[in-house]
Amino acid sequence: MNADTHVKLGQEWATLQNNHERYEHSALIIRIAAIVLFAAGIAWPHGEALRPAVFFGILCFVLCMLWAQEAILRTSQARLGERLLQIEAMLRTAGDDDLSSTVAMQLHSDWQTRRPGSFGLMREYAANAIRPTIAFPYIVLVALLLLLALCH
């Protein structure tokens, strides 16, 4: 592996790894916002101004939007993860001759060549949304909201 290619791939890996971790923090903020909104919504004295079913419906909609937002964020994070794995494989297995045709800093070019159409992108978002580690807090919060709505 020539030194210039190795350095560029190392720089790309470090940048992508930092961004991958930032996505993790952003997802945590979205989850905390969902939990805080749920708690505030339950504690909110909505009284006669808004029927409980309507209020719970609005709150459920907002929670579902936060869930979708996290799924979109996680899809982007997964793309970074794919490129990180690709770089790690190149650095792990490549000799000087193997990397002579490798170009660093190709995240967007690689993504563009593999980008699915609109339905494929929606499928990716949905697949990320139903992953247990992502769906867990939202399913619980939405289920609690439905239970509360049925009790009113």
C-alpha atoms as a PDB file:
ATOM      1  CA  MET A   1       0.000   0.000   0.000  1.00  0.00           C
ATOM      2  CA  ASN A   2       1.488   3.336  -0.888  1.00  0.00           C
ATOM      3  CA  ALA A   3       1.839   5.769   1.991  1.00  0.00           C
ATOM      4  CA  ASP A   4      -0.375   8.465   0.442  1.00  0.00           C
ATOM      5  CA  THR A   5      -3.313   6.082  -0.044  1.00  0.00           C
ATOM      6  CA  HIS A   6      -2.859   4.704   3.473  1.00  0.00           C
ATOM      7  CA  VAL A   7      -2.903   8.218   4.985  1.00  0.00           C
ATOM      8  CA  LYS A   8      -5.962   9.264   2.984  1.00  0.00           C
ATOM      9  CA  LEU A   9      -7.877   6.129   3.936  1.00  0.00           C
ATOM     10  CA  GLY A  10      -6.871   6.693   7.572  1.00  0.00           C
ATOM     11  CA  GLN A  11      -8.141  10.272   7.446  1.00  0.00           C
ATOM     12  CA  GLU A  12     -11.382   9.153   5.849  1.00  0.00           C
ATOM     13  CA  TRP A  13     -11.837   6.419   8.452  1.00  0.00           C
ATOM     14  CA  ALA A  14     -11.259   8.840  11.345  1.00  0.00           C
ATOM     15  CA  THR A  15     -13.703  11.391   9.936  1.00  0.00           C
ATOM     16  CA  LEU A  16     -16.394   8.804   9.235  1.00  0.00           C
ATOM     17  CA  GLN A  17     -15.931   7.167  12.647  1.00  0.00           C
ATOM     18  CA  ASN A  18     -16.408  10.528  14.401  1.00  0.00           C
ATOM     19  CA  ASN A  19     -19.535  11.194  12.344  1.00  0.00           C
ATOM     20  CA  HIS A  20     -20.831   7.681  13.052  1.00  0.00           C
ATOM     21  CA  GLU A  21     -20.539   8.411  16.790  1.00  0.00           C
ATOM     22  CA  ARG A  22     -22.251  11.787  16.379  1.00  0.00           C
ATOM     23  CA  TYR A  23     -25.185  10.013  14.754  1.00  0.00           C
ATOM     24  CA  GLU A  24     -25.368   7.812  17.851  1.00  0.00           C
ATOM     25  CA  HIS A  25     -25.562  10.888  20.078  1.00  0.00           C
ATOM     26  CA  SER A  26     -28.190  12.482  17.830  1.00  0.00           C
ATOM     27  CA  ALA A  27     -30.312   9.329  18.017  1.00  0.00           C
ATOM     28  CA  LEU A  28     -30.078   9.443  21.801  1.00  0.00           C
ATOM     29  CA  ILE A  29     -31.286  13.053  21.777  1.00  0.00           C
ATOM     30  CA  ILE A  30     -34.265  12.073  19.602  1.00  0.00           C
ATOM     31  CA  ARG A  31     -35.130   9.258  22.032  1.00  0.00           C
ATOM     32  CA  ILE A  32     -34.835  11.528  25.051  1.00  0.00           C
ATOM     33  CA  ALA A  33     -37.055  14.083  23.310  1.00  0.00           C
ATOM     34  CA  ALA A  34     -39.660  11.366  22.674  1.00  0.00           C
ATOM     35  CA  ILE A  35     -39.651  10.297  26.311  1.00  0.00           C
ATOM     36  CA  VAL A  36     -39.801  13.888  27.593  1.00  0.00           C
ATOM     37  CA  LEU A  37     -42.656  14.743  25.209  1.00  0.00           C
ATOM     38  CA  PHE A  38     -44.503  11.614  26.290  1.00  0.00           C
ATOM     39  CA  ALA A  39     -44.079  12.433  29.984  1.00  0.00           C
ATOM     40  CA  ALA A  40     -45.035  16.087  29.462  1.00  0.00           C
ATOM     41  CA  GLY A  41     -48.032  15.053  27.364  1.00  0.00           C
ATOM     42  CA  ILE A  42     -49.281  12.665  30.008  1.00  0.00           C
ATOM     43  CA  ALA A  43     -48.793  15.231  32.776  1.00  0.00           C
ATOM     44  CA  TRP A  44     -50.319  18.088  30.739  1.00  0.00           C
ATOM     45  CA  PRO A  45     -53.653  19.201  32.146  1.00  0.00           C
ATOM     46  CA  HIS A  46     -55.444  19.320  28.796  1.00  0.00           C
ATOM     47  CA  GLY A  47     -58.834  19.692  30.479  1.00  0.00           C
ATOM     48  CA  GLU A  48     -61.824  20.522  28.302  1.00  0.00           C
ATOM     49  CA  ALA A  49     -59.837  22.435  25.671  1.00  0.00           C
ATOM     50  CA  LEU A  50     -58.983  19.235  23.837  1.00  0.00           C
ATOM     51  CA  ARG A  51     -60.640  15.843  24.025  1.00  0.00           C
ATOM     52  CA  PRO A  52     -58.244  13.220  25.437  1.00  0.00           C
ATOM     53  CA  ALA A  53     -58.522  11.015  22.340  1.00  0.00           C
ATOM     54  CA  VAL A  54     -57.522  13.912  20.082  1.00  0.00           C
ATOM     55  CA  PHE A  55     -54.709  14.915  22.407  1.00  0.00           C
ATOM     56  CA  PHE A  56     -53.395  11.342  22.601  1.00  0.00           C
ATOM     57  CA  GLY A  57     -53.688  11.044  18.823  1.00  0.00           C
ATOM     58  CA  ILE A  58     -51.576  14.159  18.324  1.00  0.00           C
ATOM     59  CA  LEU A  59     -49.029  12.938  20.843  1.00  0.00           C
ATOM     60  CA  CYS A  60     -48.934   9.519  19.143  1.00  0.00           C
ATOM     61  CA  PHE A  61     -48.381  11.208  15.768  1.00  0.00           C
ATOM     62  CA  VAL A  62     -45.458  13.228  17.166  1.00  0.00           C
ATOM     63  CA  LEU A  63     -43.905  10.092  18.673  1.00  0.00           C
ATOM     64  CA  CYS A  64     -44.245   8.288  15.344  1.00  0.00           C
ATOM     65  CA  MET A  65     -42.574  11.218  13.569  1.00  0.00           C
ATOM     66  CA  LEU A  66     -39.660  11.076  16.018  1.00  0.00           C
ATOM     67  CA  TRP A  67     -39.451   7.331  15.410  1.00  0.00           C
ATOM     68  CA  ALA A  68     -39.318   7.927  11.654  1.00  0.00           C
ATOM     69  CA  GLN A  69     -36.698  10.633  12.147  1.00  0.00           C
ATOM     70  CA  GLU A  70     -34.508   8.237  14.096  1.00  0.00           C
ATOM     71  CA  ALA A  71     -34.955   5.590  11.379  1.00  0.00           C
ATOM     72  CA  ILE A  72     -33.797   8.077   8.749  1.00  0.00           C
ATOM     73  CA  LEU A  73     -30.825   9.057  10.911  1.00  0.00           C
ATOM     74  CA  ARG A  74     -29.939   5.412  11.492  1.00  0.00           C
ATOM     75  CA  THR A  75     -30.115   4.717   7.753  1.00  0.00           C
ATOM     76  CA  SER A  76     -27.547   7.440   7.132  1.00  0.00           C
ATOM     77  CA  GLN A  77     -25.454   6.079   9.984  1.00  0.00           C
ATOM     78  CA  ALA A  78     -25.593   2.623   8.408  1.00  0.00           C
ATOM     79  CA  ARG A  79     -24.196   4.059   5.166  1.00  0.00           C
ATOM     80  CA  LEU A  80     -21.260   5.486   7.087  1.00  0.00           C
ATOM     81  CA  GLY A  81     -20.820   2.112   8.764  1.00  0.00           C
ATOM     82  CA  GLU A  82     -20.727   0.344   5.406  1.00  0.00           C
ATOM     83  CA  ARG A  83     -17.981   2.653   4.176  1.00  0.00           C
ATOM     84  CA  LEU A  84     -16.057   2.245   7.441  1.00  0.00           C
ATOM     85  CA  LEU A  85     -16.128  -1.522   7.008  1.00  0.00           C
ATOM     86  CA  GLN A  86     -15.021  -1.171   3.405  1.00  0.00           C
ATOM     87  CA  ILE A  87     -12.057   1.009   4.417  1.00  0.00           C
ATOM     88  CA  GLU A  88     -11.108  -1.347   7.244  1.00  0.00           C
ATOM     89  CA  ALA A  89     -11.153  -4.303   4.843  1.00  0.00           C
ATOM     90  CA  MET A  90      -8.969  -2.417   2.372  1.00  0.00           C
ATOM     91  CA  LEU A  91      -6.484  -1.456   5.064  1.00  0.00           C
ATOM     92  CA  ARG A  92      -6.451  -4.947   6.578  1.00  0.00           C
ATOM     93  CA  THR A  93      -6.004  -6.998   3.431  1.00  0.00           C
ATOM     94  CA  ALA A  94      -4.359  -4.725   0.881  1.00  0.00           C
ATOM     95  CA  GLY A  95      -0.743  -4.754  -0.119  1.00  0.00           C
ATOM     96  CA  ASP A  96       0.945  -2.066  -2.190  1.00  0.00           C
ATOM     97  CA  ASP A  97      -0.383  -3.479  -5.454  1.00  0.00           C
ATOM     98  CA  ASP A  98      -3.916  -4.006  -4.129  1.00  0.00           C
ATOM     99  CA  LEU A  99      -4.462  -0.331  -3.312  1.00  0.00           C
ATOM    100  CA  SER A 100      -2.910   1.109  -6.434  1.00  0.00           C
ATOM    101  CA  SER A 101      -6.381   1.468  -7.952  1.00  0.00           C
ATOM    102  CA  THR A 102      -8.149   2.348  -4.676  1.00  0.00           C
ATOM    103  CA  VAL A 103      -9.255   5.916  -4.170  1.00  0.00           C
ATOM    104  CA  ALA A 104     -10.000   7.288  -0.723  1.00  0.00           C
ATOM    105  CA  MET A 105     -12.765   9.747   0.079  1.00  0.00           C
ATOM    106  CA  GLN A 106     -15.444   8.039  -2.038  1.00  0.00           C
ATOM    107  CA  LEU A 107     -18.374   7.805   0.386  1.00  0.00           C
ATOM    108  CA  HIS A 108     -20.829   9.771  -1.757  1.00  0.00           C
ATOM    109  CA  SER A 109     -19.675   8.275  -5.052  1.00  0.00           C
ATOM    110  CA  ASP A 110     -20.064   4.761  -3.636  1.00  0.00           C
ATOM    111  CA  TRP A 111     -23.487   5.660  -2.243  1.00  0.00           C
ATOM    112  CA  GLN A 112     -24.608   7.181  -5.531  1.00  0.00           C
ATOM    113  CA  THR A 113     -23.722   4.036  -7.472  1.00  0.00           C
ATOM    114  CA  ARG A 114     -25.665   1.845  -4.998  1.00  0.00           C
ATOM    115  CA  ARG A 115     -28.524   4.239  -4.212  1.00  0.00           C
ATOM    116  CA  PRO A 116     -31.906   2.556  -4.432  1.00  0.00           C
ATOM    117  CA  GLY A 117     -34.912   4.329  -5.915  1.00  0.00           C
ATOM    118  CA  SER A 118     -37.499   6.093  -3.770  1.00  0.00           C
ATOM    119  CA  PHE A 119     -39.235   2.853  -2.777  1.00  0.00           C
ATOM    120  CA  GLY A 120     -35.898   1.239  -1.985  1.00  0.00           C
ATOM    121  CA  LEU A 121     -34.999   4.167   0.228  1.00  0.00           C
ATOM    122  CA  MET A 122     -38.360   3.944   2.012  1.00  0.00           C
ATOM    123  CA  ARG A 123     -37.729   0.219   2.490  1.00  0.00           C
ATOM    124  CA  GLU A 124     -34.340   1.032   4.066  1.00  0.00           C
ATOM    125  CA  TYR A 125     -35.971   3.529   6.431  1.00  0.00           C
ATOM    126  CA  ALA A 126     -38.649   1.003   7.400  1.00  0.00           C
ATOM    127  CA  ALA A 127     -36.072  -1.744   7.921  1.00  0.00           C
ATOM    128  CA  ASN A 128     -34.153   0.509  10.277  1.00  0.00           C
ATOM    129  CA  ALA A 129     -37.328   1.611  12.078  1.00  0.00           C
ATOM    130  CA  ILE A 130     -38.289  -1.963  12.986  1.00  0.00           C
ATOM    131  CA  ARG A 131     -34.877  -2.968  14.285  1.00  0.00           C
ATOM    132  CA  PRO A 132     -35.479  -3.858  17.955  1.00  0.00           C
ATOM    133  CA  THR A 133     -32.853  -1.451  19.269  1.00  0.00           C
ATOM    134  CA  ILE A 134     -34.560   1.425  17.474  1.00  0.00           C
ATOM    135  CA  ALA A 135     -38.208   0.413  17.825  1.00  0.00           C
ATOM    136  CA  PHE A 136     -38.086  -0.426  21.531  1.00  0.00           C
ATOM    137  CA  PRO A 137     -38.818   2.919  23.187  1.00  0.00           C
ATOM    138  CA  TYR A 138     -41.290   4.044  20.528  1.00  0.00           C
ATOM    139  CA  ILE A 139     -43.373   0.871  20.582  1.00  0.00           C
ATOM    140  CA  VAL A 140     -43.581   1.062  24.374  1.00  0.00           C
ATOM    141  CA  LEU A 141     -44.548   4.752  24.342  1.00  0.00           C
ATOM    142  CA  VAL A 142     -47.142   4.327  21.587  1.00  0.00           C
ATOM    143  CA  ALA A 143     -48.608   1.265  23.346  1.00  0.00           C
ATOM    144  CA  LEU A 144     -48.859   3.233  26.603  1.00  0.00           C
ATOM    145  CA  LEU A 145     -50.577   6.071  24.763  1.00  0.00           C
ATOM    146  CA  LEU A 146     -53.093   3.694  23.213  1.00  0.00           C
ATOM    147  CA  LEU A 147     -53.737   2.143  26.610  1.00  0.00           C
ATOM    148  CA  LEU A 148     -54.256   5.579  28.161  1.00  0.00           C
ATOM    149  CA  ALA A 149     -56.548   6.611  25.313  1.00  0.00           C
ATOM    150  CA  LEU A 150     -58.650   3.479  25.807  1.00  0.00           C
ATOM    151  CA  CYS A 151     -58.915   4.186  29.537  1.00  0.00           C
ATOM    152  CA  HIS A 152     -60.298   7.694  29.005  1.00  0.00           C
END
